[in-house]
Amino acid sequence: MPHINPRGVYPVYLLCGARIIRGEENEFMKKTLIIANWKCNPTTLIEAKQLFNSVKRGLRNIKDKNVEIVICPPFIYIAAISLNGPLNFKLAGQDSFWEENGAFTGEISSTMLRNMGCQYVILGHSERRKYFKETDEMINRKVKSVILARLNPIFCIGENWDERKENLTQKVLRAQVEKGLKGIAKKEIKKVIIAYEPVWAIGTGKACSPEEAEKSGNFIRKIISRLYNQKIAKNIKILYGGSVNSQNAAGYIFGAKLQGLLVGGASLDASEFTRIIKNFN
């Protein structure tokens, strides 16, 4: 039976060793992916180091192999982030260009990120789509370049408020998945992680309910099943991103049956971010 979190309205499922009390949900024991997207923060290298070191200190007594933590700092801080810590920290870029090199002023390639120690790259984030007018076709080229560079793309999709009000969520998700993954082979799709981020919930404090997130997650799997097969659809990781905090985090994993979280603003508060991770320890 679920236990109600006294700090929120989301059900929390008790863990016992390597098993979840609810036997039908053993698939949740796949490693949970928690991604910290720092976006354009902080403004100094000293602050960036302090933030990361504070997270490491907050997790110094945690040795949970079921959680993988990915830190996405601004490009200029990547080299300064030391991954030595109590948990299995990984690095990611917040974006990348689709060409490996060349006369593309201001761009960072996937190969550069790999050579800096990154294993993941966020692509298609709603802020890139909104402020930099990235299209599904542009994002598709980036996904292909990231896979070619032997990195794992964190492919973001989601509807905005107007699309939600007009009941267009599924239409938007279908178009973004089909166009964003066009030409990605079965052997390549296994490297892709999909992050469902309802745009209307990002930075607004209005996180969507676990029930809504689960519904969208199931629909995304149906799309993947149609494009590829049921096995791939079952195994692909789907994350939730959009006003995640320590009070609602568990609901998206154990309630919405998703496999991880893309954390924005809360990842800039070391105490809050460590509390999010401790939900799964």
Protein backbone atom coordinates (compact mmCIF):
# COMPACT_ATOMS: atom_id res chain seq x y z
CA MET A 1 0.00 0.00 0.00
CA PRO A 2 1.28 3.51 -0.72
CA HIS A 3 2.26 5.72 2.19
CA ILE A 4 1.23 9.35 1.90
CA ASN A 5 4.04 11.83 2.03
CA PRO A 6 3.11 14.32 4.79
CA ARG A 7 4.81 17.14 2.84
CA GLY A 8 2.85 16.60 -0.35
CA VAL A 9 -0.04 14.84 -1.99
CA TYR A 10 1.96 12.24 -3.89
CA PRO A 11 2.05 8.56 -2.87
CA VAL A 12 5.44 7.23 -1.77
CA TYR A 13 6.10 3.50 -2.18
CA LEU A 14 8.30 1.90 0.46
CA LEU A 15 11.42 0.11 -0.71
CA CYS A 16 12.72 -3.04 0.95
CA GLY A 17 16.24 -4.01 -0.04
CA ALA A 18 16.28 -4.48 -3.79
CA ARG A 19 12.53 -4.91 -4.12
CA ILE A 20 9.55 -2.61 -4.12
CA ILE A 21 6.76 -3.61 -1.78
CA ARG A 22 4.30 -3.63 -4.68
CA GLY A 23 5.47 -6.73 -6.52
CA GLU A 24 4.07 -5.73 -9.90
CA GLU A 25 6.41 -2.73 -10.04
CA ASN A 26 9.80 -4.47 -9.90
CA GLU A 27 10.73 -2.82 -13.20
CA PHE A 28 11.28 0.39 -11.21
CA MET A 29 14.48 -1.09 -9.84
CA LYS A 30 16.18 -0.09 -13.07
CA LYS A 31 18.69 2.60 -12.27
CA THR A 32 16.89 5.91 -11.73
CA LEU A 33 18.45 8.77 -13.70
CA ILE A 34 18.52 12.15 -11.94
CA ILE A 35 19.75 14.99 -14.15
CA ALA A 36 20.72 18.42 -12.83
CA ASN A 37 20.32 21.05 -15.53
CA TRP A 38 22.02 24.20 -14.25
CA LYS A 39 21.05 26.14 -17.39
CA CYS A 40 22.81 29.56 -17.52
CA ASN A 41 23.88 29.39 -13.87
CA PRO A 42 25.83 30.19 -11.76
CA THR A 43 27.66 33.29 -12.90
CA THR A 44 31.15 32.45 -11.55
CA LEU A 45 33.42 29.41 -11.54
CA ILE A 46 33.79 29.68 -7.76
CA GLU A 47 30.03 29.38 -7.33
CA ALA A 48 29.89 26.44 -9.74
CA LYS A 49 32.53 24.56 -7.76
CA GLN A 50 30.81 25.41 -4.48
CA LEU A 51 27.49 24.12 -5.77
CA PHE A 52 28.90 20.83 -6.98
CA ASN A 53 30.99 20.28 -3.86
CA SER A 54 27.95 20.99 -1.69
CA VAL A 55 26.00 18.32 -3.57
CA LYS A 56 28.84 15.84 -3.06
CA ARG A 57 28.98 16.61 0.67
CA GLY A 58 25.24 16.20 0.98
CA LEU A 59 25.45 12.75 -0.57
CA ARG A 60 28.65 11.58 1.10
CA ASN A 61 26.87 8.86 3.10
CA ILE A 62 24.81 7.58 0.18
CA LYS A 63 26.06 4.61 -1.82
CA ASP A 64 22.92 3.71 -3.72
CA LYS A 65 23.82 1.98 -6.98
CA ASN A 66 20.23 2.30 -8.16
CA VAL A 67 20.63 6.04 -8.80
CA GLU A 68 22.75 7.68 -11.50
CA ILE A 69 23.33 11.41 -11.17
CA VAL A 70 24.11 13.54 -14.22
CA ILE A 71 25.35 17.13 -13.84
CA CYS A 72 24.79 19.54 -16.74
CA PRO A 73 26.83 22.69 -16.08
CA PRO A 74 27.39 25.52 -18.57
CA PHE A 75 30.04 24.55 -21.13
CA ILE A 76 32.77 26.70 -19.60
CA TYR A 77 32.53 24.88 -16.23
CA ILE A 78 32.66 21.31 -17.51
CA ALA A 79 36.44 20.97 -17.22
CA ALA A 80 36.38 22.29 -13.65
CA ILE A 81 33.85 19.79 -12.32
CA SER A 82 35.53 16.87 -10.56
CA LEU A 83 33.49 13.69 -10.72
CA ASN A 84 35.16 12.14 -7.68
CA GLY A 85 32.43 11.56 -5.15
CA PRO A 86 30.37 9.04 -3.19
CA LEU A 87 28.04 8.30 -6.09
CA ASN A 88 28.38 7.60 -9.77
CA PHE A 89 28.27 11.17 -11.10
CA LYS A 90 28.25 11.71 -14.86
CA LEU A 91 28.62 14.86 -16.96
CA ALA A 92 26.40 16.18 -19.73
CA GLY A 93 26.28 19.08 -22.13
CA GLN A 94 23.21 21.31 -22.23
CA ASP A 95 23.21 21.30 -26.03
CA SER A 96 25.49 20.51 -28.97
CA PHE A 97 25.84 21.36 -32.65
CA TRP A 98 25.24 18.78 -35.37
CA GLU A 99 28.62 19.22 -37.10
CA GLU A 100 31.81 17.79 -35.61
CA ASN A 101 33.90 20.89 -36.38
CA GLY A 102 34.18 23.76 -38.84
CA ALA A 103 33.41 27.45 -39.29
CA PHE A 104 30.48 27.60 -36.85
CA THR A 105 31.26 30.46 -34.48
CA GLY A 106 29.98 29.93 -30.96
CA GLU A 107 29.01 26.28 -31.39
CA ILE A 108 30.12 23.23 -29.39
CA SER A 109 30.20 19.81 -31.04
CA SER A 110 29.30 16.43 -29.59
CA THR A 111 32.86 15.22 -30.13
CA MET A 112 34.18 18.13 -28.07
CA LEU A 113 31.80 17.21 -25.25
CA ARG A 114 32.86 13.57 -25.36
CA ASN A 115 36.51 14.58 -25.20
CA MET A 116 35.71 16.68 -22.11
CA GLY A 117 34.32 13.62 -20.35
CA CYS A 118 30.60 14.03 -21.05
CA GLN A 119 28.43 10.96 -21.53
CA TYR A 120 25.08 12.69 -22.12
CA VAL A 121 23.73 15.73 -23.99
CA ILE A 122 20.40 17.50 -23.50
CA LEU A 123 18.72 18.16 -26.85
CA GLY A 124 15.48 19.88 -27.82
CA HIS A 125 14.92 21.53 -24.46
CA SER A 126 11.84 23.74 -24.54
CA GLU A 127 13.98 26.83 -23.93
CA ARG A 128 16.07 26.01 -26.99
CA ARG A 129 12.90 25.56 -29.01
CA LYS A 130 11.37 28.79 -27.71
CA TYR A 131 14.24 31.28 -27.52
CA PHE A 132 16.52 29.92 -30.25
CA LYS A 133 13.78 28.73 -32.60
CA GLU A 134 15.12 25.20 -32.85
CA THR A 135 12.93 23.07 -35.09
CA ASP A 136 12.27 19.33 -34.94
CA GLU A 137 14.48 18.95 -38.00
CA MET A 138 17.38 20.75 -36.34
CA ILE A 139 16.97 18.65 -33.21
CA ASN A 140 16.91 15.49 -35.30
CA ARG A 141 20.29 16.40 -36.80
CA LYS A 142 21.63 16.97 -33.30
CA VAL A 143 20.33 13.62 -32.05
CA LYS A 144 22.11 11.86 -34.91
CA SER A 145 25.38 13.71 -34.25
CA VAL A 146 25.28 12.89 -30.54
CA ILE A 147 24.74 9.19 -31.24
CA LEU A 148 27.54 9.26 -33.85
CA ALA A 149 29.83 10.72 -31.18
CA ARG A 150 28.98 7.76 -28.92
CA LEU A 151 27.06 9.88 -26.42
CA ASN A 152 23.55 9.48 -25.04
CA PRO A 153 21.01 12.10 -26.16
CA ILE A 154 18.46 13.31 -23.60
CA PHE A 155 15.72 14.13 -26.07
CA CYS A 156 13.20 16.64 -24.67
CA ILE A 157 9.60 16.87 -25.80
CA GLY A 158 6.45 18.48 -24.41
CA GLU A 159 3.43 20.67 -24.99
CA ASN A 160 2.90 24.32 -24.02
CA TRP A 161 -0.08 25.76 -22.15
CA ASP A 162 -2.12 26.70 -25.24
CA GLU A 163 -1.61 23.24 -26.75
CA ARG A 164 -2.69 21.64 -23.50
CA LYS A 165 -5.84 23.77 -23.29
CA GLU A 166 -6.73 22.79 -26.85
CA ASN A 167 -6.24 19.07 -26.03
CA LEU A 168 -3.35 18.88 -28.47
CA THR A 169 -0.86 17.21 -26.11
CA GLN A 170 -0.82 13.86 -27.90
CA LYS A 171 -0.64 15.46 -31.34
CA VAL A 172 2.34 17.57 -30.26
CA LEU A 173 4.15 14.64 -28.64
CA ARG A 174 3.59 12.44 -31.68
CA ALA A 175 4.97 15.05 -34.07
CA GLN A 176 7.99 15.82 -31.90
CA VAL A 177 8.90 12.15 -31.46
CA GLU A 178 8.38 11.19 -35.10
CA LYS A 179 10.33 14.16 -36.47
CA GLY A 180 12.99 14.23 -33.78
CA LEU A 181 13.82 10.53 -34.15
CA LYS A 182 13.47 10.33 -37.93
CA GLY A 183 16.15 8.10 -39.38
CA ILE A 184 17.32 6.74 -36.01
CA ALA A 185 17.87 2.99 -36.35
CA LYS A 186 16.79 0.35 -33.83
CA LYS A 187 20.34 -0.18 -32.63
CA GLU A 188 20.71 3.58 -32.13
CA ILE A 189 17.41 4.29 -30.38
CA LYS A 190 18.61 2.26 -27.40
CA LYS A 191 20.97 5.13 -26.55
CA VAL A 192 18.17 7.70 -26.51
CA ILE A 193 16.58 8.92 -23.29
CA ILE A 194 13.30 10.79 -23.65
CA ALA A 195 12.49 13.63 -21.23
CA TYR A 196 8.84 14.59 -21.08
CA GLU A 197 8.74 18.23 -20.01
CA PRO A 198 5.32 19.89 -20.17
CA VAL A 199 6.38 23.41 -21.10
CA TRP A 200 3.58 24.95 -19.06
CA ALA A 201 5.10 23.45 -15.89
CA ILE A 202 8.71 24.54 -16.36
CA GLY A 203 9.74 27.26 -13.92
CA THR A 204 6.12 27.99 -13.06
CA GLY A 205 5.85 25.95 -9.88
CA LYS A 206 2.84 24.20 -11.47
CA ALA A 207 4.16 20.69 -11.88
CA CYS A 208 1.72 18.40 -13.61
CA SER A 209 0.25 15.54 -11.58
CA PRO A 210 1.83 12.08 -11.62
CA GLU A 211 -1.36 10.85 -13.28
CA GLU A 212 -0.92 13.29 -16.19
CA ALA A 213 2.77 12.44 -16.46
CA GLU A 214 2.01 8.72 -16.50
CA LYS A 215 -0.58 9.20 -19.24
CA SER A 216 1.93 11.09 -21.40
CA GLY A 217 4.64 8.53 -20.64
CA ASN A 218 2.40 5.67 -21.75
CA PHE A 219 1.49 7.54 -24.93
CA ILE A 220 5.17 8.12 -25.74
CA ARG A 221 5.81 4.38 -25.36
CA LYS A 222 2.97 3.68 -27.79
CA ILE A 223 4.63 5.95 -30.34
CA ILE A 224 8.00 4.24 -29.84
CA SER A 225 6.35 0.82 -30.11
CA ARG A 226 4.80 1.79 -33.44
CA LEU A 227 8.04 3.28 -34.77
CA TYR A 228 10.24 0.43 -33.51
CA ASN A 229 8.81 -2.44 -31.45
CA GLN A 230 7.30 -3.24 -28.06
CA LYS A 231 10.57 -4.38 -26.51
CA ILE A 232 12.30 -1.10 -27.32
CA ALA A 233 9.25 0.84 -26.12
CA LYS A 234 9.26 -1.04 -22.82
CA ASN A 235 12.96 -0.55 -22.17
CA ILE A 236 13.44 3.06 -23.28
CA LYS A 237 13.93 5.46 -20.38
CA ILE A 238 11.38 8.23 -20.04
CA LEU A 239 12.07 11.05 -17.58
CA TYR A 240 9.90 13.82 -16.20
CA GLY A 241 11.00 17.46 -16.13
CA GLY A 242 9.01 20.49 -15.03
CA SER A 243 9.11 22.11 -11.57
CA VAL A 244 10.52 19.00 -9.89
CA ASN A 245 11.22 19.32 -6.18
CA SER A 246 11.88 17.07 -3.20
CA GLN A 247 8.19 16.87 -2.33
CA ASN A 248 6.90 15.67 -5.69
CA ALA A 249 9.93 13.76 -7.04
CA ALA A 250 8.92 10.31 -5.78
CA GLY A 251 5.47 10.65 -7.32
CA TYR A 252 6.91 10.78 -10.83
CA ILE A 253 8.97 7.63 -10.33
CA PHE A 254 6.73 5.39 -8.23
CA GLY A 255 3.42 6.98 -9.14
CA ALA A 256 3.86 7.91 -12.80
CA LYS A 257 6.14 4.91 -13.43
CA LEU A 258 8.86 6.98 -15.08
CA GLN A 259 12.58 6.22 -14.92
CA GLY A 260 14.11 9.50 -13.87
CA LEU A 261 13.94 13.26 -13.53
CA LEU A 262 15.27 16.30 -15.38
CA VAL A 263 15.67 18.85 -12.59
CA GLY A 264 16.05 22.56 -13.34
CA GLY A 265 15.79 25.27 -10.69
CA ALA A 266 15.88 22.84 -7.76
CA SER A 267 19.30 21.58 -8.90
CA LEU A 268 20.79 25.01 -8.10
CA ASP A 269 19.96 24.50 -4.41
CA ALA A 270 22.36 21.83 -3.17
CA SER A 271 20.21 20.93 -0.16
CA GLU A 272 17.04 20.61 -2.21
CA PHE A 273 18.77 18.60 -4.94
CA THR A 274 20.24 16.14 -2.43
CA ARG A 275 16.80 15.73 -0.85
CA ILE A 276 15.42 14.83 -4.28
CA ILE A 277 18.07 12.12 -4.69
CA LYS A 278 17.49 10.77 -1.19
CA ASN A 279 13.91 9.97 -2.21
CA PHE A 280 15.37 7.01 -4.08
CA ASN A 281 17.98 5.86 -1.56
